[in-house]
Amino acid sequence: MYLPGVNSGKAMNWIFHITPRSHWEQAQQAGSYRADSLDTEGFIHCSTPAQVVRVADLFYRGQSGLVLLCIDPERLNAELIYEEVEEKQRFPHLYGALNLDAVVQVVDFQPNSEGRFELPAAIG
């Protein structure tokens, strides 16, 4: 995975979180990001590079106004745990608020004309 201006080896370790742009803007005002799932499930759902498009197609198909938060796990203040969810896949779950300085890139994440997602060119 290549990200302009970033060591590509390090970028391979990034995790991703999909959210509406308005939620990201609110987080910037608040100083940290809290997904609704943090209150309801105790963690923020994240994905690896190999998982994020499938997650987007399953849960956000056809939705616009989304952004993809690119997160460097080494910068996280909250605990990150990879947990088995389905099909024996391990998904990254963040057990606490997302500190904004761990978000190293924010990319528009829009579906194509069929409502499906692809990894944005700015990332892949």
N, C-alpha and C. Protein backbone atom coordinates (compact mmCIF):
# COMPACT_ATOMS: atom_id res chain seq x y z
N MET A 1 0.85 -1.17 0.00
CA MET A 1 0.00 0.00 0.00
C MET A 1 0.89 1.23 0.00
N TYR A 2 0.62 2.19 -0.85
CA TYR A 2 1.41 3.41 -0.92
C TYR A 2 0.58 4.59 -0.49
N LEU A 3 1.12 5.38 0.41
CA LEU A 3 0.49 6.63 0.80
C LEU A 3 1.53 7.72 0.61
N PRO A 4 1.20 8.75 -0.15
CA PRO A 4 2.16 9.82 -0.42
C PRO A 4 2.75 10.40 0.86
N GLY A 5 4.06 10.50 0.87
CA GLY A 5 4.75 11.13 1.99
C GLY A 5 4.86 10.26 3.24
N VAL A 6 4.47 9.01 3.14
CA VAL A 6 4.49 8.13 4.30
C VAL A 6 5.28 6.87 3.96
N ASN A 7 6.03 6.39 4.92
CA ASN A 7 6.76 5.14 4.73
C ASN A 7 5.75 4.04 4.45
N SER A 8 5.82 3.45 3.26
CA SER A 8 4.81 2.47 2.85
C SER A 8 4.79 1.24 3.75
N GLY A 9 5.94 0.87 4.33
CA GLY A 9 5.94 -0.27 5.23
C GLY A 9 5.12 -0.01 6.47
N LYS A 10 5.19 1.19 6.99
CA LYS A 10 4.41 1.55 8.16
C LYS A 10 2.92 1.64 7.83
N ALA A 11 2.60 2.15 6.65
CA ALA A 11 1.20 2.30 6.24
C ALA A 11 0.49 0.95 6.17
N MET A 12 1.23 -0.11 5.91
CA MET A 12 0.62 -1.44 5.83
C MET A 12 0.04 -1.85 7.18
N ASN A 13 0.50 -1.27 8.25
CA ASN A 13 0.01 -1.61 9.59
C ASN A 13 -1.17 -0.76 10.03
N TRP A 14 -1.57 0.20 9.21
CA TRP A 14 -2.68 1.07 9.58
C TRP A 14 -3.98 0.29 9.66
N ILE A 15 -4.90 0.81 10.46
CA ILE A 15 -6.26 0.30 10.50
C ILE A 15 -7.18 1.42 10.04
N PHE A 16 -8.43 1.07 9.76
CA PHE A 16 -9.36 2.04 9.17
C PHE A 16 -10.69 2.04 9.91
N HIS A 17 -11.31 3.20 9.91
CA HIS A 17 -12.66 3.34 10.48
C HIS A 17 -13.47 4.20 9.52
N ILE A 18 -14.68 3.74 9.21
CA ILE A 18 -15.59 4.45 8.32
C ILE A 18 -16.56 5.25 9.17
N THR A 19 -16.76 6.51 8.81
CA THR A 19 -17.69 7.35 9.56
C THR A 19 -18.25 8.45 8.66
N PRO A 20 -19.42 8.97 8.98
CA PRO A 20 -19.89 10.14 8.23
C PRO A 20 -18.97 11.34 8.46
N ARG A 21 -18.79 12.13 7.43
CA ARG A 21 -17.92 13.31 7.55
C ARG A 21 -18.36 14.19 8.72
N SER A 22 -19.65 14.33 8.94
CA SER A 22 -20.15 15.18 10.03
C SER A 22 -19.67 14.68 11.39
N HIS A 23 -19.58 13.37 11.58
CA HIS A 23 -19.08 12.83 12.85
C HIS A 23 -17.60 13.15 13.04
N TRP A 24 -16.84 13.10 11.95
CA TRP A 24 -15.42 13.44 12.03
C TRP A 24 -15.26 14.92 12.36
N GLU A 25 -16.07 15.76 11.75
CA GLU A 25 -16.00 17.19 12.03
C GLU A 25 -16.35 17.48 13.49
N GLN A 26 -17.35 16.78 14.04
CA GLN A 26 -17.69 16.93 15.45
C GLN A 26 -16.54 16.50 16.34
N ALA A 27 -15.86 15.43 15.95
CA ALA A 27 -14.73 14.94 16.74
C ALA A 27 -13.61 15.97 16.80
N GLN A 28 -13.40 16.66 15.70
CA GLN A 28 -12.35 17.68 15.68
C GLN A 28 -12.69 18.82 16.64
N GLN A 29 -13.95 19.14 16.76
CA GLN A 29 -14.38 20.16 17.71
C GLN A 29 -14.25 19.66 19.16
N ALA A 30 -14.57 18.38 19.36
CA ALA A 30 -14.56 17.80 20.71
C ALA A 30 -13.15 17.44 21.19
N GLY A 31 -12.23 17.19 20.25
CA GLY A 31 -10.87 16.83 20.62
C GLY A 31 -10.58 15.34 20.62
N SER A 32 -11.62 14.52 20.41
CA SER A 32 -11.45 13.07 20.25
C SER A 32 -12.67 12.53 19.53
N TYR A 33 -12.54 11.31 19.00
CA TYR A 33 -13.62 10.68 18.24
C TYR A 33 -14.23 9.55 19.05
N ARG A 34 -15.55 9.55 19.15
CA ARG A 34 -16.29 8.49 19.84
C ARG A 34 -17.40 8.01 18.91
N ALA A 35 -17.30 6.80 18.43
CA ALA A 35 -18.38 6.20 17.64
C ALA A 35 -19.50 5.80 18.60
N ASP A 36 -20.72 5.72 18.08
CA ASP A 36 -21.86 5.27 18.90
C ASP A 36 -21.59 3.90 19.52
N SER A 37 -20.86 3.05 18.79
CA SER A 37 -20.58 1.70 19.29
C SER A 37 -19.73 1.70 20.56
N LEU A 38 -19.02 2.78 20.81
CA LEU A 38 -18.22 2.84 22.04
C LEU A 38 -19.14 2.81 23.26
N ASP A 39 -20.29 3.47 23.15
CA ASP A 39 -21.26 3.47 24.25
C ASP A 39 -22.11 2.21 24.27
N THR A 40 -22.47 1.70 23.09
CA THR A 40 -23.38 0.54 23.04
C THR A 40 -22.67 -0.81 23.13
N GLU A 41 -21.43 -0.89 22.62
CA GLU A 41 -20.71 -2.17 22.61
C GLU A 41 -19.40 -2.14 23.39
N GLY A 42 -18.93 -0.93 23.72
CA GLY A 42 -17.71 -0.81 24.50
C GLY A 42 -16.45 -0.62 23.68
N PHE A 43 -16.59 -0.55 22.35
CA PHE A 43 -15.41 -0.36 21.51
C PHE A 43 -15.81 0.29 20.19
N ILE A 44 -14.81 0.77 19.46
CA ILE A 44 -14.99 1.33 18.12
C ILE A 44 -14.55 0.28 17.12
N HIS A 45 -15.44 -0.03 16.18
CA HIS A 45 -15.14 -1.00 15.13
C HIS A 45 -14.12 -0.41 14.16
N CYS A 46 -13.10 -1.19 13.84
CA CYS A 46 -12.11 -0.81 12.83
C CYS A 46 -11.89 -1.99 11.89
N SER A 47 -11.14 -1.75 10.83
CA SER A 47 -10.86 -2.79 9.84
C SER A 47 -9.40 -2.70 9.41
N THR A 48 -8.89 -3.82 8.95
CA THR A 48 -7.58 -3.85 8.33
C THR A 48 -7.73 -3.42 6.87
N PRO A 49 -6.63 -3.16 6.16
CA PRO A 49 -6.75 -2.83 4.74
C PRO A 49 -7.48 -3.90 3.93
N ALA A 50 -7.30 -5.17 4.29
CA ALA A 50 -7.94 -6.26 3.56
C ALA A 50 -9.43 -6.39 3.87
N GLN A 51 -9.89 -5.80 4.96
CA GLN A 51 -11.28 -5.95 5.40
C GLN A 51 -12.17 -4.76 5.07
N VAL A 52 -11.60 -3.58 4.91
CA VAL A 52 -12.40 -2.35 4.92
C VAL A 52 -13.42 -2.26 3.78
N VAL A 53 -13.09 -2.69 2.59
CA VAL A 53 -14.04 -2.59 1.48
C VAL A 53 -15.23 -3.52 1.71
N ARG A 54 -14.96 -4.73 2.18
CA ARG A 54 -16.05 -5.67 2.47
C ARG A 54 -16.97 -5.11 3.55
N VAL A 55 -16.40 -4.54 4.59
CA VAL A 55 -17.19 -3.93 5.66
C VAL A 55 -18.04 -2.78 5.11
N ALA A 56 -17.43 -1.95 4.27
CA ALA A 56 -18.17 -0.83 3.69
C ALA A 56 -19.35 -1.32 2.85
N ASP A 57 -19.13 -2.34 2.04
CA ASP A 57 -20.20 -2.88 1.20
C ASP A 57 -21.32 -3.51 2.03
N LEU A 58 -20.97 -4.11 3.15
CA LEU A 58 -21.98 -4.76 4.00
C LEU A 58 -22.81 -3.75 4.80
N PHE A 59 -22.15 -2.72 5.33
CA PHE A 59 -22.83 -1.84 6.27
C PHE A 59 -23.12 -0.43 5.75
N TYR A 60 -22.48 -0.02 4.67
CA TYR A 60 -22.62 1.36 4.19
C TYR A 60 -23.00 1.44 2.71
N ARG A 61 -23.38 0.34 2.11
CA ARG A 61 -23.66 0.30 0.68
C ARG A 61 -24.59 1.44 0.26
N GLY A 62 -24.16 2.20 -0.75
CA GLY A 62 -24.95 3.28 -1.30
C GLY A 62 -24.95 4.57 -0.50
N GLN A 63 -24.31 4.59 0.66
CA GLN A 63 -24.29 5.79 1.48
C GLN A 63 -23.20 6.75 0.99
N SER A 64 -23.51 8.01 1.01
CA SER A 64 -22.52 9.02 0.64
C SER A 64 -22.20 9.88 1.86
N GLY A 65 -21.25 10.78 1.71
CA GLY A 65 -20.87 11.65 2.81
C GLY A 65 -19.99 10.99 3.84
N LEU A 66 -19.34 9.89 3.45
CA LEU A 66 -18.48 9.15 4.38
C LEU A 66 -17.02 9.52 4.20
N VAL A 67 -16.26 9.32 5.26
CA VAL A 67 -14.80 9.44 5.19
C VAL A 67 -14.20 8.17 5.78
N LEU A 68 -13.00 7.90 5.35
CA LEU A 68 -12.23 6.78 5.85
C LEU A 68 -11.11 7.35 6.72
N LEU A 69 -11.13 7.01 7.99
CA LEU A 69 -10.07 7.45 8.90
C LEU A 69 -8.94 6.43 8.84
N CYS A 70 -7.76 6.88 8.50
CA CYS A 70 -6.57 6.03 8.45
C CYS A 70 -5.84 6.22 9.78
N ILE A 71 -5.72 5.15 10.52
CA ILE A 71 -5.24 5.22 11.90
C ILE A 71 -3.93 4.46 12.06
N ASP A 72 -2.96 5.12 12.68
CA ASP A 72 -1.69 4.47 13.01
C ASP A 72 -1.83 3.87 14.41
N PRO A 73 -1.89 2.54 14.52
CA PRO A 73 -2.09 1.91 15.82
C PRO A 73 -1.02 2.27 16.86
N GLU A 74 0.17 2.61 16.40
CA GLU A 74 1.24 2.96 17.33
C GLU A 74 0.99 4.28 18.04
N ARG A 75 0.08 5.07 17.52
CA ARG A 75 -0.23 6.38 18.12
C ARG A 75 -1.47 6.36 19.02
N LEU A 76 -2.13 5.23 19.12
CA LEU A 76 -3.37 5.15 19.89
C LEU A 76 -3.12 5.26 21.39
N ASN A 77 -4.02 5.98 22.06
CA ASN A 77 -3.98 6.05 23.52
C ASN A 77 -4.81 4.94 24.15
N ALA A 78 -5.91 4.54 23.49
CA ALA A 78 -6.79 3.48 23.99
C ALA A 78 -6.25 2.12 23.55
N GLU A 79 -6.73 1.09 24.22
CA GLU A 79 -6.29 -0.27 23.91
C GLU A 79 -6.92 -0.78 22.61
N LEU A 80 -6.11 -1.37 21.76
CA LEU A 80 -6.55 -1.97 20.51
C LEU A 80 -6.41 -3.49 20.63
N ILE A 81 -7.53 -4.19 20.39
CA ILE A 81 -7.52 -5.64 20.49
C ILE A 81 -8.08 -6.21 19.20
N TYR A 82 -7.36 -7.18 18.63
CA TYR A 82 -7.84 -7.89 17.44
C TYR A 82 -8.66 -9.08 17.94
N GLU A 83 -9.96 -9.07 17.58
CA GLU A 83 -10.85 -10.11 18.09
C GLU A 83 -11.54 -10.83 16.93
N GLU A 84 -11.72 -12.13 17.12
CA GLU A 84 -12.39 -12.93 16.11
C GLU A 84 -13.87 -12.56 16.08
N VAL A 85 -14.37 -12.30 14.88
CA VAL A 85 -15.76 -11.88 14.73
C VAL A 85 -16.55 -12.87 13.91
N GLU A 86 -16.10 -13.13 12.72
CA GLU A 86 -16.82 -14.03 11.82
C GLU A 86 -15.82 -14.70 10.90
N GLU A 87 -16.18 -15.86 10.42
CA GLU A 87 -15.32 -16.57 9.47
C GLU A 87 -13.88 -16.64 9.96
N LYS A 88 -13.74 -16.63 11.26
CA LYS A 88 -12.42 -16.69 11.89
C LYS A 88 -11.53 -15.52 11.51
N GLN A 89 -12.15 -14.40 11.14
CA GLN A 89 -11.39 -13.18 10.87
C GLN A 89 -11.24 -12.41 12.17
N ARG A 90 -10.09 -11.80 12.33
CA ARG A 90 -9.81 -10.99 13.51
C ARG A 90 -9.89 -9.52 13.12
N PHE A 91 -10.83 -8.81 13.73
CA PHE A 91 -11.03 -7.39 13.46
C PHE A 91 -10.45 -6.55 14.59
N PRO A 92 -9.86 -5.40 14.26
CA PRO A 92 -9.35 -4.51 15.30
C PRO A 92 -10.49 -3.74 15.97
N HIS A 93 -10.52 -3.80 17.29
CA HIS A 93 -11.50 -3.08 18.09
C HIS A 93 -10.76 -2.13 19.03
N LEU A 94 -11.17 -0.88 19.03
CA LEU A 94 -10.53 0.14 19.87
C LEU A 94 -11.39 0.36 21.11
N TYR A 95 -10.84 0.02 22.26
CA TYR A 95 -11.55 0.10 23.53
C TYR A 95 -11.32 1.44 24.21
N GLY A 96 -11.86 2.47 23.62
CA GLY A 96 -11.77 3.83 24.16
C GLY A 96 -11.89 4.82 23.02
N ALA A 97 -11.91 6.09 23.38
CA ALA A 97 -12.02 7.14 22.38
C ALA A 97 -10.77 7.14 21.49
N LEU A 98 -10.98 7.54 20.26
CA LEU A 98 -9.88 7.65 19.29
C LEU A 98 -9.25 9.03 19.43
N ASN A 99 -7.99 9.06 19.84
CA ASN A 99 -7.27 10.33 19.91
C ASN A 99 -6.97 10.81 18.49
N LEU A 100 -7.21 12.07 18.24
CA LEU A 100 -7.13 12.61 16.88
C LEU A 100 -5.74 12.52 16.27
N ASP A 101 -4.69 12.58 17.09
CA ASP A 101 -3.34 12.53 16.53
C ASP A 101 -2.96 11.13 16.03
N ALA A 102 -3.80 10.12 16.30
CA ALA A 102 -3.58 8.78 15.74
C ALA A 102 -4.13 8.67 14.32
N VAL A 103 -4.98 9.62 13.94
CA VAL A 103 -5.55 9.64 12.58
C VAL A 103 -4.54 10.36 11.69
N VAL A 104 -3.89 9.60 10.83
CA VAL A 104 -2.81 10.14 10.02
C VAL A 104 -3.26 10.60 8.64
N GLN A 105 -4.47 10.18 8.24
CA GLN A 105 -5.02 10.60 6.96
C GLN A 105 -6.53 10.42 7.00
N VAL A 106 -7.26 11.36 6.39
CA VAL A 106 -8.71 11.27 6.25
C VAL A 106 -9.00 11.37 4.77
N VAL A 107 -9.72 10.37 4.25
CA VAL A 107 -9.96 10.28 2.81
C VAL A 107 -11.47 10.19 2.56
N ASP A 108 -11.98 10.96 1.58
CA ASP A 108 -13.37 10.81 1.17
C ASP A 108 -13.60 9.36 0.76
N PHE A 109 -14.71 8.81 1.18
CA PHE A 109 -15.01 7.40 0.91
C PHE A 109 -16.41 7.30 0.34
N GLN A 110 -16.50 7.39 -0.97
CA GLN A 110 -17.77 7.43 -1.67
C GLN A 110 -17.98 6.14 -2.46
N PRO A 111 -19.23 5.66 -2.52
CA PRO A 111 -19.51 4.47 -3.31
C PRO A 111 -19.48 4.80 -4.80
N ASN A 112 -19.29 3.76 -5.62
CA ASN A 112 -19.33 3.96 -7.07
C ASN A 112 -20.79 4.03 -7.53
N SER A 113 -21.02 4.09 -8.81
CA SER A 113 -22.37 4.24 -9.35
C SER A 113 -23.28 3.06 -9.01
N GLU A 114 -22.71 1.92 -8.64
CA GLU A 114 -23.48 0.75 -8.25
C GLU A 114 -23.69 0.68 -6.74
N GLY A 115 -23.19 1.69 -6.02
CA GLY A 115 -23.35 1.72 -4.58
C GLY A 115 -22.29 0.96 -3.81
N ARG A 116 -21.30 0.40 -4.51
CA ARG A 116 -20.25 -0.39 -3.89
C ARG A 116 -19.00 0.47 -3.67
N PHE A 117 -18.14 -0.01 -2.80
CA PHE A 117 -16.94 0.74 -2.43
C PHE A 117 -15.68 0.11 -3.00
N GLU A 118 -14.69 0.95 -3.17
CA GLU A 118 -13.35 0.53 -3.56
C GLU A 118 -12.38 1.31 -2.68
N LEU A 119 -11.23 0.72 -2.43
CA LEU A 119 -10.22 1.44 -1.66
C LEU A 119 -9.83 2.70 -2.43
N PRO A 120 -9.93 3.87 -1.81
CA PRO A 120 -9.61 5.11 -2.52
C PRO A 120 -8.18 5.11 -3.07
N ALA A 121 -8.02 5.72 -4.24
CA ALA A 121 -6.71 5.80 -4.87
C ALA A 121 -5.68 6.49 -3.98
N ALA A 122 -6.13 7.40 -3.15
CA ALA A 122 -5.21 8.11 -2.24
C ALA A 122 -4.58 7.16 -1.23
N ILE A 123 -5.14 5.97 -1.09
CA ILE A 123 -4.61 5.00 -0.13
C ILE A 123 -3.91 3.84 -0.83
N GLY A 124 -4.55 3.26 -1.84
CA GLY A 124 -4.01 2.06 -2.46
C GLY A 124 -3.16 2.30 -3.65
